[in-house]
Amino acid sequence: MAKKTQTSSKTSATAKKARTAITKKGKKNGGSSTSAADRIVNAVASRRAFGETKANRKLIMGLATILNKKSFDTTILNMKKKKNWIDYDKETVWLTKEGEEHVSPDALVVPKNNDDMQEKIRMDMLKGGKRPCGIFNLMLDGRYYTKADLAEAMGMENNKSFGTYMSTLSQVSEREGGKIRLVDFVFPCGRPCDSK
C-alpha cells in the first residue's frame, strides 16, 4: 500500500512540474503559445500584405507583442543566424526567402478592421487589466489626449496612481508636446481619426 501512495505522489509531482513548465513557457511568450520567432515572422509578413517589403522594427516588435526591446533584438539576431528567416538593419526588418517559405498563410491575409489587433493588445500586453484597458479604449479614436483629459474621462484624479495606469500603456502609446496617443500598430487598417 505504501508503494502505491509513493507512486501516486511521484506522478502528482511530475504533473505539477509539467504544468509549471507550460505556465512559464506561456508567460515567456507573452501569454501566447506561438514562439516569439514565429510571431515576428508573421508580423513582418502581415506588413507585406500592405505592400511593405521592409517593416519598421518598432512596429514589428509591437505587432509581435514583444514588450522588451533587448529581448526583441536578441530574438531577431538568433533568427538571422540560426534560421535565416529574416534580415534587418538599424531601422527595418524584412523576410528572407527562407522566412517567406516558413510564414503562416494567415499572416498574409489583409485585416478588414482593427478589432483583432486591439483585442490582442488588451489580452497580451495589457493583461486584461480593467483600468489600463479602459484608458486604451478611450484612445481608440487615434487622437492625441492630455493625461488630465484621460483621467477626467475615467472619473479618476490625475495623480501618481493614474500615472501608474498610464505607464502600463507605454508600449502602445507615444507622446508629443505633452499629449499622448496610441501608436500606429494599434491601427493596422488606419486610424479612425484619419478617415474622417
C-alpha atoms as a PDB file:
ATOM      1  CA  MET A   1       0.000   0.000   0.000  1.00  0.00           C
ATOM      2  CA  ALA A   2       2.868   2.349   0.826  1.00  0.00           C
ATOM      3  CA  LYS A   3       4.319   1.816  -2.679  1.00  0.00           C
ATOM      4  CA  LYS A   4       1.058   2.885  -4.328  1.00  0.00           C
ATOM      5  CA  THR A   5       0.979   6.116  -2.286  1.00  0.00           C
ATOM      6  CA  GLN A   6       4.625   6.841  -3.142  1.00  0.00           C
ATOM      7  CA  THR A   7       3.983   6.269  -6.872  1.00  0.00           C
ATOM      8  CA  SER A   8       0.872   8.433  -6.704  1.00  0.00           C
ATOM      9  CA  SER A   9       2.786  11.316  -5.104  1.00  0.00           C
ATOM     10  CA  LYS A  10       5.598  10.968  -7.710  1.00  0.00           C
ATOM     11  CA  THR A  11       3.024  11.154 -10.504  1.00  0.00           C
ATOM     12  CA  SER A  12       1.444  14.175  -8.858  1.00  0.00           C
ATOM     13  CA  ALA A  13       4.849  15.884  -8.528  1.00  0.00           C
ATOM     14  CA  THR A  14       5.669  15.162 -12.191  1.00  0.00           C
ATOM     15  CA  ALA A  15       2.309  16.554 -13.319  1.00  0.00           C
ATOM     16  CA  LYS A  16       2.883  19.673 -11.218  1.00  0.00           C
ATOM     17  CA  LYS A  17       6.333  20.208 -12.826  1.00  0.00           C
ATOM     18  CA  ALA A  18       4.803  19.838 -16.294  1.00  0.00           C
ATOM     19  CA  ARG A  19       2.058  22.383 -15.501  1.00  0.00           C
ATOM     20  CA  THR A  20       4.685  24.804 -14.143  1.00  0.00           C
ATOM     21  CA  ALA A  21       6.823  24.421 -17.281  1.00  0.00           C
ATOM     22  CA  ILE A  22       3.820  25.071 -19.532  1.00  0.00           C
ATOM     23  CA  THR A  23       2.832  28.140 -17.491  1.00  0.00           C
ATOM     24  CA  LYS A  24       6.386  29.514 -17.596  1.00  0.00           C
ATOM     25  CA  LYS A  25       6.554  28.948 -21.344  1.00  0.00           C
ATOM     26  CA  GLY A  26       3.261  30.799 -21.818  1.00  0.00           C
ATOM     27  CA  LYS A  27       4.461  33.752 -19.711  1.00  0.00           C
ATOM     28  CA  LYS A  28       7.775  33.865 -21.577  1.00  0.00           C
ATOM     29  CA  ASN A  29       5.923  34.112 -24.886  1.00  0.00           C
ATOM     30  CA  GLY A  30       3.713  36.994 -23.721  1.00  0.00           C
ATOM     31  CA  GLY A  31       0.934  34.582 -22.801  1.00  0.00           C
ATOM     32  CA  SER A  32       0.938  33.147 -26.321  1.00  0.00           C
ATOM     33  CA  SER A  33       1.603  29.543 -27.324  1.00  0.00           C
ATOM     34  CA  THR A  34       3.267  30.803 -30.531  1.00  0.00           C
ATOM     35  CA  SER A  35       7.036  31.322 -30.307  1.00  0.00           C
ATOM     36  CA  ALA A  36       8.468  34.848 -30.455  1.00  0.00           C
ATOM     37  CA  ALA A  37      10.266  33.950 -33.703  1.00  0.00           C
ATOM     38  CA  ASP A  38       7.012  32.823 -35.352  1.00  0.00           C
ATOM     39  CA  ARG A  39       5.187  35.938 -34.129  1.00  0.00           C
ATOM     40  CA  ILE A  40       7.939  38.145 -35.608  1.00  0.00           C
ATOM     41  CA  VAL A  41       7.938  36.339 -38.976  1.00  0.00           C
ATOM     42  CA  ASN A  42       4.138  36.546 -39.155  1.00  0.00           C
ATOM     43  CA  ALA A  43       4.213  40.245 -38.195  1.00  0.00           C
ATOM     44  CA  VAL A  44       6.723  41.044 -40.970  1.00  0.00           C
ATOM     45  CA  ALA A  45       4.639  39.009 -43.430  1.00  0.00           C
ATOM     46  CA  SER A  46       1.490  40.870 -42.387  1.00  0.00           C
ATOM     47  CA  ARG A  47       3.127  44.173 -43.361  1.00  0.00           C
ATOM     48  CA  ARG A  48       3.993  42.698 -46.765  1.00  0.00           C
ATOM     49  CA  ALA A  49       0.265  42.182 -47.251  1.00  0.00           C
ATOM     50  CA  PHE A  50       0.063  46.005 -47.026  1.00  0.00           C
ATOM     51  CA  GLY A  51       2.865  46.410 -49.605  1.00  0.00           C
ATOM     52  CA  GLU A  52       5.748  46.982 -47.156  1.00  0.00           C
ATOM     53  CA  THR A  53       8.733  44.795 -48.047  1.00  0.00           C
ATOM     54  CA  LYS A  54      10.749  46.304 -45.183  1.00  0.00           C
ATOM     55  CA  ALA A  55       8.891  46.996 -41.944  1.00  0.00           C
ATOM     56  CA  ASN A  56       9.806  49.305 -39.077  1.00  0.00           C
ATOM     57  CA  ARG A  57      11.437  47.337 -36.241  1.00  0.00           C
ATOM     58  CA  LYS A  58       9.443  49.099 -33.519  1.00  0.00           C
ATOM     59  CA  LEU A  59       6.210  48.357 -35.374  1.00  0.00           C
ATOM     60  CA  ILE A  60       7.124  44.663 -35.721  1.00  0.00           C
ATOM     61  CA  MET A  61       8.027  44.471 -32.032  1.00  0.00           C
ATOM     62  CA  GLY A  62       4.546  45.771 -31.217  1.00  0.00           C
ATOM     63  CA  LEU A  63       2.719  43.556 -33.698  1.00  0.00           C
ATOM     64  CA  ALA A  64       4.555  40.533 -32.279  1.00  0.00           C
ATOM     65  CA  THR A  65       3.565  41.681 -28.750  1.00  0.00           C
ATOM     66  CA  ILE A  66       7.152  41.612 -27.505  1.00  0.00           C
ATOM     67  CA  LEU A  67       7.467  44.060 -24.629  1.00  0.00           C
ATOM     68  CA  ASN A  68      11.237  44.158 -24.143  1.00  0.00           C
ATOM     69  CA  LYS A  69      13.478  45.750 -26.820  1.00  0.00           C
ATOM     70  CA  LYS A  70      16.550  43.810 -25.688  1.00  0.00           C
ATOM     71  CA  SER A  71      14.610  40.540 -25.946  1.00  0.00           C
ATOM     72  CA  PHE A  72      13.376  41.520 -29.421  1.00  0.00           C
ATOM     73  CA  ASP A  73      16.912  42.398 -30.577  1.00  0.00           C
ATOM     74  CA  THR A  74      18.273  39.077 -29.273  1.00  0.00           C
ATOM     75  CA  THR A  75      15.454  37.124 -30.928  1.00  0.00           C
ATOM     76  CA  ILE A  76      15.924  38.699 -34.364  1.00  0.00           C
ATOM     77  CA  LEU A  77      19.705  38.190 -34.131  1.00  0.00           C
ATOM     78  CA  ASN A  78      19.152  34.485 -33.375  1.00  0.00           C
ATOM     79  CA  MET A  79      16.550  34.233 -36.137  1.00  0.00           C
ATOM     80  CA  LYS A  80      19.021  35.681 -38.628  1.00  0.00           C
ATOM     81  CA  LYS A  81      21.948  33.480 -37.536  1.00  0.00           C
ATOM     82  CA  LYS A  82      20.193  30.169 -36.827  1.00  0.00           C
ATOM     83  CA  LYS A  83      17.118  30.097 -39.048  1.00  0.00           C
ATOM     84  CA  ASN A  84      17.845  32.774 -41.671  1.00  0.00           C
ATOM     85  CA  TRP A  85      14.147  33.723 -41.709  1.00  0.00           C
ATOM     86  CA  ILE A  86      14.773  37.467 -41.567  1.00  0.00           C
ATOM     87  CA  ASP A  87      17.364  40.137 -42.202  1.00  0.00           C
ATOM     88  CA  TYR A  88      17.442  43.611 -40.734  1.00  0.00           C
ATOM     89  CA  ASP A  89      19.217  46.929 -40.448  1.00  0.00           C
ATOM     90  CA  LYS A  90      19.073  49.622 -37.771  1.00  0.00           C
ATOM     91  CA  GLU A  91      15.510  50.720 -38.593  1.00  0.00           C
ATOM     92  CA  THR A  92      13.789  47.918 -40.514  1.00  0.00           C
ATOM     93  CA  VAL A  93      13.321  44.146 -40.721  1.00  0.00           C
ATOM     94  CA  TRP A  94      12.374  42.014 -43.744  1.00  0.00           C
ATOM     95  CA  LEU A  95      11.795  38.387 -44.697  1.00  0.00           C
ATOM     96  CA  THR A  96      14.398  36.254 -46.468  1.00  0.00           C
ATOM     97  CA  LYS A  97      13.421  33.539 -48.947  1.00  0.00           C
ATOM     98  CA  GLU A  98      13.506  31.011 -46.065  1.00  0.00           C
ATOM     99  CA  GLY A  99      11.271  33.289 -43.999  1.00  0.00           C
ATOM    100  CA  GLU A 100       8.767  33.594 -46.834  1.00  0.00           C
ATOM    101  CA  GLU A 101       8.598  29.792 -47.064  1.00  0.00           C
ATOM    102  CA  HIS A 102       8.122  29.433 -43.286  1.00  0.00           C
ATOM    103  CA  VAL A 103       5.415  32.054 -42.830  1.00  0.00           C
ATOM    104  CA  SER A 104       1.862  31.098 -41.957  1.00  0.00           C
ATOM    105  CA  PRO A 105      -0.622  31.705 -44.816  1.00  0.00           C
ATOM    106  CA  ASP A 106      -2.873  33.519 -42.304  1.00  0.00           C
ATOM    107  CA  ALA A 107      -0.193  36.197 -41.879  1.00  0.00           C
ATOM    108  CA  LEU A 108      -0.655  37.286 -45.498  1.00  0.00           C
ATOM    109  CA  VAL A 109      -4.360  37.978 -45.080  1.00  0.00           C
ATOM    110  CA  VAL A 110      -5.047  41.714 -45.005  1.00  0.00           C
ATOM    111  CA  PRO A 111      -7.107  42.540 -41.895  1.00  0.00           C
ATOM    112  CA  LYS A 112     -10.537  44.026 -42.587  1.00  0.00           C
ATOM    113  CA  ASN A 113     -10.572  46.093 -39.381  1.00  0.00           C
ATOM    114  CA  ASN A 114      -8.529  46.960 -36.293  1.00  0.00           C
ATOM    115  CA  ASP A 115     -10.552  44.813 -33.867  1.00  0.00           C
ATOM    116  CA  ASP A 116      -8.368  41.677 -33.779  1.00  0.00           C
ATOM    117  CA  MET A 117      -5.154  43.606 -33.158  1.00  0.00           C
ATOM    118  CA  GLN A 118      -6.767  45.738 -30.458  1.00  0.00           C
ATOM    119  CA  GLU A 119      -8.149  42.676 -28.665  1.00  0.00           C
ATOM    120  CA  LYS A 120      -4.718  41.033 -28.872  1.00  0.00           C
ATOM    121  CA  ILE A 121      -3.187  44.121 -27.204  1.00  0.00           C
ATOM    122  CA  ARG A 122      -5.829  44.117 -24.457  1.00  0.00           C
ATOM    123  CA  MET A 123      -5.154  40.488 -23.597  1.00  0.00           C
ATOM    124  CA  ASP A 124      -1.412  40.041 -24.314  1.00  0.00           C
ATOM    125  CA  MET A 125       0.064  43.440 -23.473  1.00  0.00           C
ATOM    126  CA  LEU A 126      -2.417  44.974 -21.031  1.00  0.00           C
ATOM    127  CA  LYS A 127      -3.263  41.566 -19.493  1.00  0.00           C
ATOM    128  CA  GLY A 128      -6.959  42.453 -19.473  1.00  0.00           C
ATOM    129  CA  GLY A 129      -6.482  44.993 -16.648  1.00  0.00           C
ATOM    130  CA  LYS A 130      -9.728  46.958 -16.145  1.00  0.00           C
ATOM    131  CA  ARG A 131      -8.306  50.488 -15.880  1.00  0.00           C
ATOM    132  CA  PRO A 132      -5.473  50.195 -18.451  1.00  0.00           C
ATOM    133  CA  CYS A 133      -7.972  48.643 -20.889  1.00  0.00           C
ATOM    134  CA  GLY A 134     -10.455  51.431 -20.103  1.00  0.00           C
ATOM    135  CA  ILE A 135      -7.859  54.107 -20.917  1.00  0.00           C
ATOM    136  CA  PHE A 136      -6.853  52.167 -24.040  1.00  0.00           C
ATOM    137  CA  ASN A 137     -10.500  52.026 -25.175  1.00  0.00           C
ATOM    138  CA  LEU A 138     -10.870  55.804 -24.721  1.00  0.00           C
ATOM    139  CA  MET A 139      -7.921  56.351 -27.045  1.00  0.00           C
ATOM    140  CA  LEU A 140      -9.120  54.078 -29.862  1.00  0.00           C
ATOM    141  CA  ASP A 141     -10.167  57.053 -31.982  1.00  0.00           C
ATOM    142  CA  GLY A 142      -6.427  57.573 -32.628  1.00  0.00           C
ATOM    143  CA  ARG A 143      -6.332  61.206 -31.458  1.00  0.00           C
ATOM    144  CA  TYR A 144      -3.941  62.901 -29.029  1.00  0.00           C
ATOM    145  CA  TYR A 145      -5.070  63.428 -25.419  1.00  0.00           C
ATOM    146  CA  THR A 146      -3.642  65.089 -22.338  1.00  0.00           C
ATOM    147  CA  LYS A 147      -3.168  62.939 -19.262  1.00  0.00           C
ATOM    148  CA  ALA A 148      -5.652  65.213 -17.443  1.00  0.00           C
ATOM    149  CA  ASP A 149      -8.314  64.635 -20.145  1.00  0.00           C
ATOM    150  CA  LEU A 150      -7.928  60.871 -19.847  1.00  0.00           C
ATOM    151  CA  ALA A 151      -8.055  60.946 -16.039  1.00  0.00           C
ATOM    152  CA  GLU A 152     -11.239  63.026 -16.146  1.00  0.00           C
ATOM    153  CA  ALA A 153     -12.856  60.712 -18.722  1.00  0.00           C
ATOM    154  CA  MET A 154     -12.027  57.747 -16.469  1.00  0.00           C
ATOM    155  CA  GLY A 155     -13.505  59.532 -13.431  1.00  0.00           C
ATOM    156  CA  MET A 156     -10.136  59.497 -11.670  1.00  0.00           C
ATOM    157  CA  GLU A 157      -7.735  62.054 -10.255  1.00  0.00           C
ATOM    158  CA  ASN A 158      -4.696  62.936 -12.348  1.00  0.00           C
ATOM    159  CA  ASN A 159      -2.205  61.733  -9.728  1.00  0.00           C
ATOM    160  CA  LYS A 160       0.594  59.202  -9.231  1.00  0.00           C
ATOM    161  CA  SER A 161      -1.899  56.336  -9.146  1.00  0.00           C
ATOM    162  CA  PHE A 162      -3.304  57.315 -12.533  1.00  0.00           C
ATOM    163  CA  GLY A 163       0.279  57.691 -13.804  1.00  0.00           C
ATOM    164  CA  THR A 164       0.857  54.037 -12.931  1.00  0.00           C
ATOM    165  CA  TYR A 165      -2.082  53.014 -15.130  1.00  0.00           C
ATOM    166  CA  MET A 166      -0.757  55.235 -17.912  1.00  0.00           C
ATOM    167  CA  SER A 167       2.696  53.631 -17.681  1.00  0.00           C
ATOM    168  CA  THR A 168       1.058  50.279 -18.470  1.00  0.00           C
ATOM    169  CA  LEU A 169       0.278  51.758 -21.897  1.00  0.00           C
ATOM    170  CA  SER A 170       3.886  52.831 -22.597  1.00  0.00           C
ATOM    171  CA  GLN A 171       4.454  50.047 -25.170  1.00  0.00           C
ATOM    172  CA  VAL A 172       1.384  51.059 -27.164  1.00  0.00           C
ATOM    173  CA  SER A 173       1.484  54.850 -26.879  1.00  0.00           C
ATOM    174  CA  GLU A 174       3.597  57.792 -27.993  1.00  0.00           C
ATOM    175  CA  ARG A 175       3.958  61.333 -26.697  1.00  0.00           C
ATOM    176  CA  GLU A 176       4.182  64.647 -28.471  1.00  0.00           C
ATOM    177  CA  GLY A 177       4.030  68.117 -26.940  1.00  0.00           C
ATOM    178  CA  GLY A 178       2.584  66.994 -23.606  1.00  0.00           C
ATOM    179  CA  LYS A 179      -0.088  64.859 -25.275  1.00  0.00           C
ATOM    180  CA  ILE A 180      -0.355  61.128 -25.777  1.00  0.00           C
ATOM    181  CA  ARG A 181      -1.926  58.831 -28.365  1.00  0.00           C
ATOM    182  CA  LEU A 182      -1.830  55.162 -29.338  1.00  0.00           C
ATOM    183  CA  VAL A 183       0.940  54.091 -31.737  1.00  0.00           C
ATOM    184  CA  ASP A 184       0.355  53.114 -35.359  1.00  0.00           C
ATOM    185  CA  PHE A 185       0.491  49.330 -34.913  1.00  0.00           C
ATOM    186  CA  VAL A 186      -2.723  49.519 -32.846  1.00  0.00           C
ATOM    187  CA  PHE A 187      -4.453  50.507 -36.108  1.00  0.00           C
ATOM    188  CA  PRO A 188      -3.302  48.070 -38.843  1.00  0.00           C
ATOM    189  CA  CYS A 189      -6.155  49.334 -41.061  1.00  0.00           C
ATOM    190  CA  GLY A 190      -5.545  53.015 -40.250  1.00  0.00           C
ATOM    191  CA  ARG A 191      -6.553  55.459 -37.531  1.00  0.00           C
ATOM    192  CA  PRO A 192     -10.271  56.257 -37.327  1.00  0.00           C
ATOM    193  CA  CYS A 193      -9.470  59.978 -36.975  1.00  0.00           C
ATOM    194  CA  ASP A 194      -7.579  59.898 -40.324  1.00  0.00           C
ATOM    195  CA  SER A 195     -10.639  58.662 -42.200  1.00  0.00           C
ATOM    196  CA  LYS A 196     -12.920  61.483 -41.032  1.00  0.00           C
END
